[in-house]
């Protein structure tokens, strides 16, 4: 089974919740996978969309965010692309160490890397690809606990 979703969103944070629910509802396969989608994937997609709208597009209501979701057997990928100039993810400090522990922001990238099996950025830094292996033993171990 293979499914694809292509969405273009206005740069409006109020769209995120409904968009993520729509995407997750189209990806559900079975009860066990559904839990992984509703925890790991959903949280990561919310973070990616929020970052794209707030930081990538600088909250500019004239800009858009593109979401591409691919569901393959045992694998879900989501690519979130904003219209911003991008950033270097390697320059973002680890929020679990040093002075970063006390900062209010900076945990979204950490959450995505922790909850997803793979996280990749394009060279420009304005697009993130989230990969979740639905049937792998490692993916099951990494499933967030309720």
N, C-alpha and C. Protein backbone atom coordinates (compact mmCIF):
# COMPACT_ATOMS: atom_id res chain seq x y z
N UNK A 1 0.84 -1.18 0.00
CA UNK A 1 0.00 0.00 0.00
C UNK A 1 0.88 1.24 0.00
N UNK A 2 0.52 2.21 -0.80
CA UNK A 2 1.29 3.44 -0.89
C UNK A 2 0.32 4.60 -1.00
N UNK A 3 0.57 5.62 -0.20
CA UNK A 3 -0.27 6.82 -0.23
C UNK A 3 0.63 8.04 -0.26
N UNK A 4 0.12 9.12 -0.86
CA UNK A 4 0.84 10.38 -0.91
C UNK A 4 -0.12 11.51 -0.62
N UNK A 5 0.36 12.48 0.13
CA UNK A 5 -0.42 13.69 0.40
C UNK A 5 0.47 14.90 0.09
N UNK A 6 -0.09 15.87 -0.59
CA UNK A 6 0.62 17.11 -0.87
C UNK A 6 -0.28 18.25 -0.42
N UNK A 7 0.22 19.06 0.50
CA UNK A 7 -0.57 20.17 1.03
C UNK A 7 0.25 21.45 0.99
N UNK A 8 -0.43 22.56 0.74
CA UNK A 8 0.20 23.87 0.86
C UNK A 8 -0.62 24.64 1.88
N UNK A 9 0.05 25.08 2.94
CA UNK A 9 -0.64 25.74 4.05
C UNK A 9 -0.33 27.22 4.09
N UNK A 10 -1.31 28.01 4.51
CA UNK A 10 -1.00 29.41 4.79
C UNK A 10 -0.10 29.45 6.02
N UNK A 11 0.66 30.48 6.16
CA UNK A 11 1.57 30.61 7.30
C UNK A 11 0.76 31.08 8.51
N UNK A 12 -0.05 30.19 9.04
CA UNK A 12 -0.96 30.50 10.14
C UNK A 12 -0.93 29.33 11.13
N UNK A 13 -0.45 29.58 12.33
CA UNK A 13 -0.33 28.53 13.35
C UNK A 13 -1.66 27.85 13.65
N UNK A 14 -2.76 28.54 13.43
CA UNK A 14 -4.07 27.95 13.69
C UNK A 14 -4.38 26.79 12.75
N UNK A 15 -3.64 26.65 11.66
CA UNK A 15 -3.85 25.55 10.70
C UNK A 15 -3.17 24.25 11.12
N UNK A 16 -2.25 24.33 12.04
CA UNK A 16 -1.41 23.17 12.34
C UNK A 16 -2.21 22.00 12.91
N UNK A 17 -3.02 22.24 13.89
CA UNK A 17 -3.74 21.14 14.55
C UNK A 17 -4.61 20.37 13.55
N UNK A 18 -5.41 21.07 12.76
CA UNK A 18 -6.28 20.40 11.79
C UNK A 18 -5.46 19.69 10.71
N UNK A 19 -4.37 20.29 10.28
CA UNK A 19 -3.52 19.68 9.26
C UNK A 19 -2.92 18.37 9.76
N UNK A 20 -2.39 18.39 10.98
CA UNK A 20 -1.77 17.19 11.53
C UNK A 20 -2.81 16.10 11.73
N UNK A 21 -3.98 16.44 12.21
CA UNK A 21 -5.05 15.45 12.37
C UNK A 21 -5.44 14.85 11.02
N UNK A 22 -5.53 15.69 10.00
CA UNK A 22 -5.87 15.21 8.65
C UNK A 22 -4.80 14.24 8.15
N UNK A 23 -3.54 14.61 8.28
CA UNK A 23 -2.44 13.76 7.81
C UNK A 23 -2.44 12.43 8.56
N UNK A 24 -2.53 12.47 9.88
CA UNK A 24 -2.49 11.26 10.68
C UNK A 24 -3.68 10.36 10.36
N UNK A 25 -4.84 10.94 10.14
CA UNK A 25 -6.02 10.13 9.82
C UNK A 25 -5.87 9.41 8.49
N UNK A 26 -5.10 9.98 7.57
CA UNK A 26 -4.87 9.34 6.27
C UNK A 26 -3.77 8.30 6.32
N UNK A 27 -2.99 8.29 7.39
CA UNK A 27 -1.85 7.37 7.49
C UNK A 27 -2.12 6.17 8.38
N UNK A 28 -3.18 6.17 9.13
CA UNK A 28 -3.43 5.09 10.08
C UNK A 28 -3.57 3.76 9.36
N UNK A 29 -2.87 2.73 9.88
CA UNK A 29 -2.90 1.40 9.28
C UNK A 29 -3.49 0.39 10.24
N UNK A 30 -3.01 0.39 11.46
CA UNK A 30 -3.50 -0.56 12.46
C UNK A 30 -3.34 0.08 13.83
N UNK A 31 -3.85 -0.54 14.84
CA UNK A 31 -3.87 0.04 16.18
C UNK A 31 -2.48 0.33 16.72
N UNK A 32 -1.54 -0.61 16.58
CA UNK A 32 -0.19 -0.40 17.10
C UNK A 32 0.50 0.74 16.36
N UNK A 33 0.40 0.73 15.05
CA UNK A 33 1.00 1.79 14.25
C UNK A 33 0.32 3.11 14.56
N UNK A 34 -0.97 3.08 14.76
CA UNK A 34 -1.72 4.30 15.05
C UNK A 34 -1.16 4.99 16.29
N UNK A 35 -0.77 4.22 17.31
CA UNK A 35 -0.19 4.83 18.51
C UNK A 35 1.12 5.54 18.18
N UNK A 36 1.96 4.92 17.35
CA UNK A 36 3.21 5.56 16.96
C UNK A 36 2.94 6.83 16.15
N UNK A 37 1.96 6.76 15.26
CA UNK A 37 1.63 7.94 14.47
C UNK A 37 1.10 9.06 15.36
N UNK A 38 0.26 8.71 16.30
CA UNK A 38 -0.35 9.72 17.16
C UNK A 38 0.62 10.29 18.18
N UNK A 39 1.70 9.60 18.46
CA UNK A 39 2.68 10.12 19.42
C UNK A 39 3.90 10.66 18.68
N UNK A 40 4.75 9.79 18.21
CA UNK A 40 6.01 10.19 17.60
C UNK A 40 5.81 11.09 16.39
N UNK A 41 5.04 10.61 15.43
CA UNK A 41 4.87 11.34 14.18
C UNK A 41 4.12 12.64 14.38
N UNK A 42 3.05 12.60 15.14
CA UNK A 42 2.22 13.78 15.34
C UNK A 42 3.00 14.90 16.02
N UNK A 43 3.70 14.59 17.09
CA UNK A 43 4.48 15.60 17.81
C UNK A 43 5.56 16.18 16.89
N UNK A 44 6.24 15.32 16.15
CA UNK A 44 7.31 15.78 15.27
C UNK A 44 6.78 16.65 14.14
N UNK A 45 5.65 16.28 13.57
CA UNK A 45 5.07 17.09 12.50
C UNK A 45 4.60 18.44 13.02
N UNK A 46 4.04 18.46 14.20
CA UNK A 46 3.64 19.74 14.82
C UNK A 46 4.86 20.63 14.99
N UNK A 47 5.95 20.08 15.50
CA UNK A 47 7.18 20.85 15.69
C UNK A 47 7.73 21.37 14.37
N UNK A 48 7.76 20.51 13.36
CA UNK A 48 8.29 20.92 12.06
C UNK A 48 7.45 22.05 11.45
N UNK A 49 6.13 21.93 11.52
CA UNK A 49 5.26 22.97 10.97
C UNK A 49 5.39 24.27 11.77
N UNK A 50 5.44 24.17 13.06
CA UNK A 50 5.59 25.37 13.91
C UNK A 50 6.90 26.08 13.59
N UNK A 51 7.99 25.31 13.51
CA UNK A 51 9.29 25.91 13.20
C UNK A 51 9.29 26.57 11.83
N UNK A 52 8.67 25.91 10.85
CA UNK A 52 8.61 26.47 9.50
C UNK A 52 7.86 27.79 9.48
N UNK A 53 6.75 27.86 10.20
CA UNK A 53 5.94 29.08 10.19
C UNK A 53 6.56 30.20 11.02
N UNK A 54 7.04 29.87 12.21
CA UNK A 54 7.56 30.91 13.11
C UNK A 54 8.96 31.35 12.71
N UNK A 55 9.87 30.39 12.56
CA UNK A 55 11.27 30.73 12.31
C UNK A 55 11.59 30.80 10.83
N UNK A 56 11.17 29.81 10.06
CA UNK A 56 11.48 29.79 8.64
C UNK A 56 10.84 30.94 7.88
N UNK A 57 9.53 31.07 8.04
CA UNK A 57 8.79 32.12 7.34
C UNK A 57 8.65 33.40 8.16
N UNK A 58 9.27 33.44 9.32
CA UNK A 58 9.27 34.63 10.20
C UNK A 58 7.85 35.15 10.44
N UNK A 59 6.90 34.22 10.59
CA UNK A 59 5.49 34.56 10.86
C UNK A 59 4.87 35.46 9.79
N UNK A 60 5.44 35.47 8.60
CA UNK A 60 4.93 36.29 7.49
C UNK A 60 3.67 35.64 6.92
N UNK A 61 2.51 36.31 7.04
CA UNK A 61 1.26 35.71 6.55
C UNK A 61 1.18 35.57 5.03
N UNK A 62 2.09 36.19 4.30
CA UNK A 62 2.09 36.08 2.85
C UNK A 62 2.85 34.84 2.35
N UNK A 63 3.58 34.19 3.25
CA UNK A 63 4.35 33.01 2.87
C UNK A 63 3.55 31.74 3.12
N UNK A 64 4.00 30.65 2.50
CA UNK A 64 3.33 29.34 2.59
C UNK A 64 4.29 28.30 3.13
N UNK A 65 3.71 27.19 3.58
CA UNK A 65 4.48 26.02 4.00
C UNK A 65 3.96 24.83 3.21
N UNK A 66 4.87 24.08 2.61
CA UNK A 66 4.49 22.90 1.82
C UNK A 66 4.75 21.64 2.66
N UNK A 67 3.79 20.73 2.63
CA UNK A 67 3.90 19.46 3.36
C UNK A 67 3.69 18.34 2.35
N UNK A 68 4.64 17.40 2.32
CA UNK A 68 4.54 16.23 1.45
C UNK A 68 4.68 15.01 2.35
N UNK A 69 3.68 14.14 2.33
CA UNK A 69 3.69 12.95 3.16
C UNK A 69 3.60 11.72 2.26
N UNK A 70 4.47 10.76 2.53
CA UNK A 70 4.49 9.51 1.78
C UNK A 70 4.36 8.37 2.76
N UNK A 71 3.39 7.51 2.52
CA UNK A 71 3.20 6.32 3.33
C UNK A 71 3.51 5.12 2.45
N UNK A 72 4.57 4.43 2.79
CA UNK A 72 4.95 3.19 2.11
C UNK A 72 4.76 2.08 3.12
N UNK A 73 4.83 0.87 2.69
CA UNK A 73 4.67 -0.24 3.61
C UNK A 73 5.77 -0.18 4.67
N UNK A 74 5.37 0.03 5.92
CA UNK A 74 6.32 0.07 7.03
C UNK A 74 7.09 1.36 7.19
N UNK A 75 6.72 2.43 6.46
CA UNK A 75 7.50 3.66 6.48
C UNK A 75 6.61 4.87 6.22
N UNK A 76 6.77 5.89 7.03
CA UNK A 76 6.09 7.17 6.79
C UNK A 76 7.16 8.24 6.72
N UNK A 77 7.10 9.08 5.68
CA UNK A 77 8.00 10.23 5.59
C UNK A 77 7.16 11.48 5.41
N UNK A 78 7.62 12.55 6.01
CA UNK A 78 6.97 13.85 5.84
C UNK A 78 8.06 14.87 5.56
N UNK A 79 7.86 15.66 4.52
CA UNK A 79 8.79 16.72 4.19
C UNK A 79 8.05 18.04 4.38
N UNK A 80 8.62 18.92 5.21
CA UNK A 80 8.04 20.22 5.49
C UNK A 80 9.01 21.27 4.97
N UNK A 81 8.52 22.14 4.07
CA UNK A 81 9.37 23.13 3.43
C UNK A 81 8.75 24.52 3.59
N UNK A 82 9.56 25.45 4.06
CA UNK A 82 9.09 26.83 4.19
C UNK A 82 9.73 27.70 3.10
N UNK A 83 9.34 28.97 3.04
CA UNK A 83 9.85 29.89 2.03
C UNK A 83 10.96 30.78 2.58
N UNK A 84 11.49 30.42 3.75
CA UNK A 84 12.54 31.22 4.37
C UNK A 84 13.91 30.97 3.79
N UNK A 85 14.89 31.68 4.35
CA UNK A 85 16.26 31.57 3.86
C UNK A 85 16.99 30.35 4.40
N UNK A 86 16.41 29.69 5.40
CA UNK A 86 17.00 28.47 5.94
C UNK A 86 17.90 28.73 7.13
N UNK A 87 18.46 27.65 7.67
CA UNK A 87 19.36 27.73 8.82
C UNK A 87 20.27 26.51 8.82
N UNK A 88 21.27 26.56 9.67
CA UNK A 88 22.19 25.43 9.82
C UNK A 88 21.80 24.69 11.09
N UNK A 89 21.18 23.50 10.98
CA UNK A 89 20.75 22.78 12.18
C UNK A 89 21.91 22.39 13.09
N UNK A 90 23.11 22.32 12.54
CA UNK A 90 24.28 22.00 13.35
C UNK A 90 24.67 23.10 14.31
N UNK A 91 24.14 24.30 14.11
CA UNK A 91 24.45 25.44 14.99
C UNK A 91 23.48 25.57 16.16
N UNK A 92 22.48 24.73 16.21
CA UNK A 92 21.50 24.79 17.29
C UNK A 92 22.03 23.96 18.47
N UNK A 93 22.19 24.58 19.63
CA UNK A 93 22.76 23.85 20.77
C UNK A 93 21.81 22.78 21.30
N UNK A 94 22.41 21.75 21.88
CA UNK A 94 21.66 20.66 22.51
C UNK A 94 20.93 21.23 23.73
N UNK A 95 19.59 21.14 23.76
CA UNK A 95 18.83 21.76 24.86
C UNK A 95 18.93 20.99 26.19
N UNK A 96 19.65 19.87 26.17
CA UNK A 96 19.77 19.08 27.40
C UNK A 96 21.10 19.31 28.12
N UNK A 97 21.93 20.22 27.60
CA UNK A 97 23.23 20.46 28.20
C UNK A 97 23.51 21.94 28.40
N UNK A 98 24.40 22.22 29.33
CA UNK A 98 24.89 23.59 29.54
C UNK A 98 23.81 24.60 29.80
N UNK A 99 24.05 25.79 29.28
CA UNK A 99 23.10 26.90 29.47
C UNK A 99 21.79 26.70 28.74
N UNK A 100 21.80 25.85 27.74
CA UNK A 100 20.59 25.60 26.95
C UNK A 100 19.47 24.96 27.77
N UNK A 101 19.82 24.29 28.86
CA UNK A 101 18.82 23.64 29.71
C UNK A 101 17.82 24.65 30.24
N UNK A 102 18.27 25.85 30.50
CA UNK A 102 17.40 26.89 31.09
C UNK A 102 16.62 27.70 30.07
N UNK A 103 16.94 27.53 28.79
CA UNK A 103 16.24 28.29 27.76
C UNK A 103 14.82 27.76 27.58
N UNK A 104 13.92 28.66 27.28
CA UNK A 104 12.52 28.29 27.06
C UNK A 104 12.33 27.66 25.68
N UNK A 105 13.10 28.09 24.69
CA UNK A 105 12.95 27.57 23.33
C UNK A 105 14.10 26.63 22.99
N UNK A 106 14.03 26.05 21.80
CA UNK A 106 15.12 25.23 21.31
C UNK A 106 14.95 23.74 21.49
N UNK A 107 13.77 23.30 21.83
CA UNK A 107 13.57 21.88 22.06
C UNK A 107 12.89 21.15 20.91
N UNK A 108 12.36 21.87 19.96
CA UNK A 108 11.64 21.25 18.83
C UNK A 108 12.51 20.33 18.00
N UNK A 109 13.71 20.79 17.63
CA UNK A 109 14.61 19.95 16.84
C UNK A 109 15.03 18.71 17.63
N UNK A 110 15.27 18.90 18.91
CA UNK A 110 15.64 17.77 19.79
C UNK A 110 14.50 16.75 19.83
N UNK A 111 13.27 17.22 19.98
CA UNK A 111 12.12 16.31 20.00
C UNK A 111 12.00 15.53 18.69
N UNK A 112 12.15 16.22 17.58
CA UNK A 112 12.05 15.54 16.29
C UNK A 112 13.12 14.46 16.16
N UNK A 113 14.36 14.78 16.53
CA UNK A 113 15.45 13.80 16.43
C UNK A 113 15.23 12.63 17.38
N UNK A 114 14.62 12.88 18.53
CA UNK A 114 14.39 11.83 19.51
C UNK A 114 13.23 10.92 19.11
N UNK A 115 12.16 11.50 18.59
CA UNK A 115 10.95 10.74 18.30
C UNK A 115 10.94 10.05 16.94
N UNK A 116 11.69 10.58 15.99
CA UNK A 116 11.70 10.01 14.65
C UNK A 116 12.92 9.12 14.48
N UNK A 117 12.85 8.20 13.52
CA UNK A 117 13.99 7.33 13.23
C UNK A 117 15.06 8.07 12.44
N UNK A 118 14.64 9.01 11.59
CA UNK A 118 15.59 9.80 10.80
C UNK A 118 15.04 11.22 10.66
N UNK A 119 15.94 12.19 10.68
CA UNK A 119 15.61 13.59 10.42
C UNK A 119 16.71 14.14 9.52
N UNK A 120 16.31 14.66 8.35
CA UNK A 120 17.27 15.19 7.38
C UNK A 120 16.85 16.60 6.97
N UNK A 121 17.85 17.46 6.76
CA UNK A 121 17.61 18.82 6.29
C UNK A 121 18.24 18.98 4.91
N UNK A 122 17.63 19.81 4.08
CA UNK A 122 18.25 20.10 2.80
C UNK A 122 19.44 21.04 3.02
N UNK A 123 20.25 21.25 1.99
CA UNK A 123 21.45 22.08 2.13
C UNK A 123 21.12 23.51 2.53
N UNK A 124 20.04 24.02 2.03
CA UNK A 124 19.64 25.40 2.34
C UNK A 124 19.15 25.53 3.78
N UNK A 125 18.56 24.45 4.32
CA UNK A 125 18.08 24.49 5.70
C UNK A 125 16.65 24.99 5.83
N UNK A 126 15.90 24.97 4.74
CA UNK A 126 14.50 25.41 4.80
C UNK A 126 13.52 24.26 4.60
N UNK A 127 14.04 23.03 4.65
CA UNK A 127 13.20 21.86 4.46
C UNK A 127 13.71 20.73 5.35
N UNK A 128 12.78 20.10 6.07
CA UNK A 128 13.13 18.99 6.94
C UNK A 128 12.35 17.76 6.49
N UNK A 129 13.03 16.62 6.48
CA UNK A 129 12.39 15.35 6.13
C UNK A 129 12.38 14.48 7.39
N UNK A 130 11.18 14.08 7.80
CA UNK A 130 10.98 13.23 8.97
C UNK A 130 10.68 11.82 8.49
N UNK A 131 11.36 10.83 9.05
CA UNK A 131 11.18 9.44 8.65
C UNK A 131 10.88 8.60 9.88
N UNK A 132 9.78 7.84 9.79
CA UNK A 132 9.39 6.94 10.87
C UNK A 132 9.20 5.54 10.30
N UNK A 133 10.00 4.59 10.81
CA UNK A 133 9.88 3.19 10.41
C UNK A 133 8.81 2.55 11.28
N UNK A 134 7.71 2.16 10.67
CA UNK A 134 6.57 1.67 11.43
C UNK A 134 6.70 0.23 11.88
N UNK A 135 7.47 -0.56 11.16
CA UNK A 135 7.50 -1.98 11.49
C UNK A 135 8.83 -2.44 12.06
N UNK A 136 9.78 -1.52 12.29
CA UNK A 136 11.08 -1.94 12.77
C UNK A 136 11.08 -2.11 14.28
N UNK A 137 11.83 -3.07 14.80
CA UNK A 137 11.94 -3.24 16.25
C UNK A 137 12.49 -1.98 16.91
N UNK A 138 13.43 -1.29 16.25
CA UNK A 138 13.98 -0.07 16.83
C UNK A 138 12.89 0.99 16.96
N UNK A 139 12.04 1.10 15.93
CA UNK A 139 10.95 2.06 15.97
C UNK A 139 10.01 1.79 17.12
N UNK A 140 9.77 0.51 17.41
CA UNK A 140 8.87 0.17 18.51
C UNK A 140 9.51 0.54 19.85
N UNK A 141 10.81 0.32 19.99
CA UNK A 141 11.51 0.71 21.21
C UNK A 141 11.45 2.22 21.41
N UNK A 142 11.50 2.98 20.32
CA UNK A 142 11.56 4.43 20.41
C UNK A 142 10.18 5.05 20.56
N UNK A 143 9.15 4.25 20.53
CA UNK A 143 7.79 4.77 20.65
C UNK A 143 7.65 5.51 21.97
N UNK A 144 7.10 6.70 21.91
CA UNK A 144 6.90 7.49 23.12
C UNK A 144 5.91 6.80 24.04
N UNK A 145 6.13 6.89 25.30
CA UNK A 145 5.20 6.27 26.24
C UNK A 145 4.10 7.26 26.59
N UNK A 146 2.90 6.70 26.79
CA UNK A 146 1.74 7.55 27.09
C UNK A 146 1.74 7.96 28.54
